Structures are given as structure tokens and as C-alpha cells.
Amino acid sequence: MGRMTRTIISIPEDEKQWLDSFGRRHRISSAEVVRRAIKKYRQAKTERNLAGVLRKTAGTWTSIKGDSQAHERP
């Protein structure tokens, strides 16, 4: 893990209770729960962006007939 920066956030009481409970059940600190959640969120967002790009570009080579690998080979 790289350099850590300490920060203070405000969350609703029920979210804090859930955070503490989840941490106890998994034997990790609340801070670690938040770090893992942020990491997963960022990964999911990246995957959604990739899926969007693939969806938008699907079929862009429709003018090429036949085997696409044959088209790429010299």
C-alpha cells in the first residue's frame, strides 16, 4: 500500500453503525472497509466505461467482408 492520507468524512448515523458492524464481522477496521469499497467502486466504474466503449464501437468495421484476421495480416 502506498502513502496514506488521513481524512475526515461525515456520514449518517445508520451508515456508521453498518460500517462498524461490517468491520467487526470481517475483522477489519472501518477505515479498511472504506478503502476496499472505494477500490471496488473505482474498478467497477472502469469496467463500466470499458463496456460502454466496446458497446459503442461494436460493428465499426462492417465494411470489411470475410475474416478480420486475414484483413490484419500483411
C-alpha atoms as a PDB file:
ATOM      1  CA  MET A   1       0.000   0.000   0.000  1.00  0.00           C
ATOM      2  CA  GLY A   2       1.275   3.438  -0.877  1.00  0.00           C
ATOM      3  CA  ARG A   3       1.353   6.614   1.137  1.00  0.00           C
ATOM      4  CA  MET A   4      -1.824   7.134   3.154  1.00  0.00           C
ATOM      5  CA  THR A   5      -3.611  10.425   3.700  1.00  0.00           C
ATOM      6  CA  ARG A   6      -5.870  10.877   6.659  1.00  0.00           C
ATOM      7  CA  THR A   7      -9.257  12.464   6.034  1.00  0.00           C
ATOM      8  CA  ILE A   8     -12.434  13.167   7.959  1.00  0.00           C
ATOM      9  CA  ILE A   9     -15.859  12.464   6.488  1.00  0.00           C
ATOM     10  CA  SER A  10     -19.389  12.886   7.779  1.00  0.00           C
ATOM     11  CA  ILE A  11     -21.879  10.063   7.241  1.00  0.00           C
ATOM     12  CA  PRO A  12     -25.354   9.390   8.604  1.00  0.00           C
ATOM     13  CA  GLU A  13     -25.511   7.528  11.921  1.00  0.00           C
ATOM     14  CA  ASP A  14     -27.135   4.424  10.405  1.00  0.00           C
ATOM     15  CA  GLU A  15     -24.346   4.180   7.805  1.00  0.00           C
ATOM     16  CA  LYS A  16     -21.735   4.479  10.568  1.00  0.00           C
ATOM     17  CA  GLN A  17     -23.419   1.696  12.542  1.00  0.00           C
ATOM     18  CA  TRP A  18     -23.429  -0.514   9.452  1.00  0.00           C
ATOM     19  CA  LEU A  19     -19.761   0.324   8.774  1.00  0.00           C
ATOM     20  CA  ASP A  20     -18.735  -0.593  12.327  1.00  0.00           C
ATOM     21  CA  SER A  21     -20.790  -3.788  12.268  1.00  0.00           C
ATOM     22  CA  PHE A  22     -19.402  -4.876   8.899  1.00  0.00           C
ATOM     23  CA  GLY A  23     -15.850  -4.228  10.094  1.00  0.00           C
ATOM     24  CA  ARG A  24     -16.373  -6.285  13.249  1.00  0.00           C
ATOM     25  CA  ARG A  25     -17.870  -9.200  11.300  1.00  0.00           C
ATOM     26  CA  HIS A  26     -14.943  -9.226   8.886  1.00  0.00           C
ATOM     27  CA  ARG A  27     -12.322  -8.371  11.499  1.00  0.00           C
ATOM     28  CA  ILE A  28     -11.123  -5.258   9.710  1.00  0.00           C
ATOM     29  CA  SER A  29     -11.183  -1.597  10.648  1.00  0.00           C
ATOM     30  CA  SER A  30     -13.837   0.803   9.424  1.00  0.00           C
ATOM     31  CA  ALA A  31     -11.093   2.608   7.519  1.00  0.00           C
ATOM     32  CA  GLU A  32     -10.203  -0.632   5.722  1.00  0.00           C
ATOM     33  CA  VAL A  33     -13.862  -1.181   4.820  1.00  0.00           C
ATOM     34  CA  VAL A  34     -13.949   2.288   3.257  1.00  0.00           C
ATOM     35  CA  ARG A  35     -10.641   1.744   1.408  1.00  0.00           C
ATOM     36  CA  ARG A  36     -11.890  -1.534  -0.056  1.00  0.00           C
ATOM     37  CA  ALA A  37     -15.231  -0.012  -1.021  1.00  0.00           C
ATOM     38  CA  ILE A  38     -13.526   2.860  -2.840  1.00  0.00           C
ATOM     39  CA  LYS A  39     -11.233   0.434  -4.664  1.00  0.00           C
ATOM     40  CA  LYS A  40     -14.181  -1.736  -5.769  1.00  0.00           C
ATOM     41  CA  TYR A  41     -16.169   1.315  -6.849  1.00  0.00           C
ATOM     42  CA  ARG A  42     -13.294   2.566  -8.983  1.00  0.00           C
ATOM     43  CA  GLN A  43     -12.786  -0.866 -10.569  1.00  0.00           C
ATOM     44  CA  ALA A  44     -16.486  -1.208 -11.353  1.00  0.00           C
ATOM     45  CA  LYS A  45     -16.578   2.270 -12.876  1.00  0.00           C
ATOM     46  CA  THR A  46     -13.573   1.419 -15.088  1.00  0.00           C
ATOM     47  CA  GLU A  47     -15.242  -1.829 -16.185  1.00  0.00           C
ATOM     48  CA  ARG A  48     -18.492   0.016 -16.989  1.00  0.00           C
ATOM     49  CA  ASN A  49     -16.535   2.553 -19.042  1.00  0.00           C
ATOM     50  CA  LEU A  50     -14.803  -0.243 -20.966  1.00  0.00           C
ATOM     51  CA  ALA A  51     -18.115  -1.985 -21.568  1.00  0.00           C
ATOM     52  CA  GLY A  52     -19.549   1.290 -22.863  1.00  0.00           C
ATOM     53  CA  VAL A  53     -16.664   1.790 -25.287  1.00  0.00           C
ATOM     54  CA  LEU A  54     -16.977  -1.777 -26.552  1.00  0.00           C
ATOM     55  CA  ARG A  55     -20.725  -1.343 -26.996  1.00  0.00           C
ATOM     56  CA  LYS A  56     -20.275   1.943 -28.890  1.00  0.00           C
ATOM     57  CA  THR A  57     -17.579   0.569 -31.202  1.00  0.00           C
ATOM     58  CA  ALA A  58     -19.133  -2.830 -31.892  1.00  0.00           C
ATOM     59  CA  GLY A  59     -19.584  -3.322 -35.607  1.00  0.00           C
ATOM     60  CA  THR A  60     -17.489  -0.344 -36.680  1.00  0.00           C
ATOM     61  CA  TRP A  61     -15.701  -2.457 -39.298  1.00  0.00           C
ATOM     62  CA  THR A  62     -18.871  -3.602 -41.026  1.00  0.00           C
ATOM     63  CA  SER A  63     -17.440  -2.625 -44.424  1.00  0.00           C
ATOM     64  CA  ILE A  64     -14.839  -5.411 -44.195  1.00  0.00           C
ATOM     65  CA  LYS A  65     -16.061  -8.720 -45.552  1.00  0.00           C
ATOM     66  CA  GLY A  66     -14.669 -12.102 -44.590  1.00  0.00           C
ATOM     67  CA  ASP A  67     -12.161 -12.985 -41.892  1.00  0.00           C
ATOM     68  CA  SER A  68     -11.000  -9.978 -39.878  1.00  0.00           C
ATOM     69  CA  GLN A  69      -7.705 -11.726 -39.018  1.00  0.00           C
ATOM     70  CA  ALA A  70      -6.981 -12.176 -42.713  1.00  0.00           C
ATOM     71  CA  HIS A  71      -7.549  -8.441 -43.166  1.00  0.00           C
ATOM     72  CA  GLU A  72      -4.983  -7.655 -40.454  1.00  0.00           C
ATOM     73  CA  ARG A  73      -2.274  -9.961 -41.805  1.00  0.00           C
ATOM     74  CA  PRO A  74       0.096  -8.422 -44.375  1.00  0.00           C
END
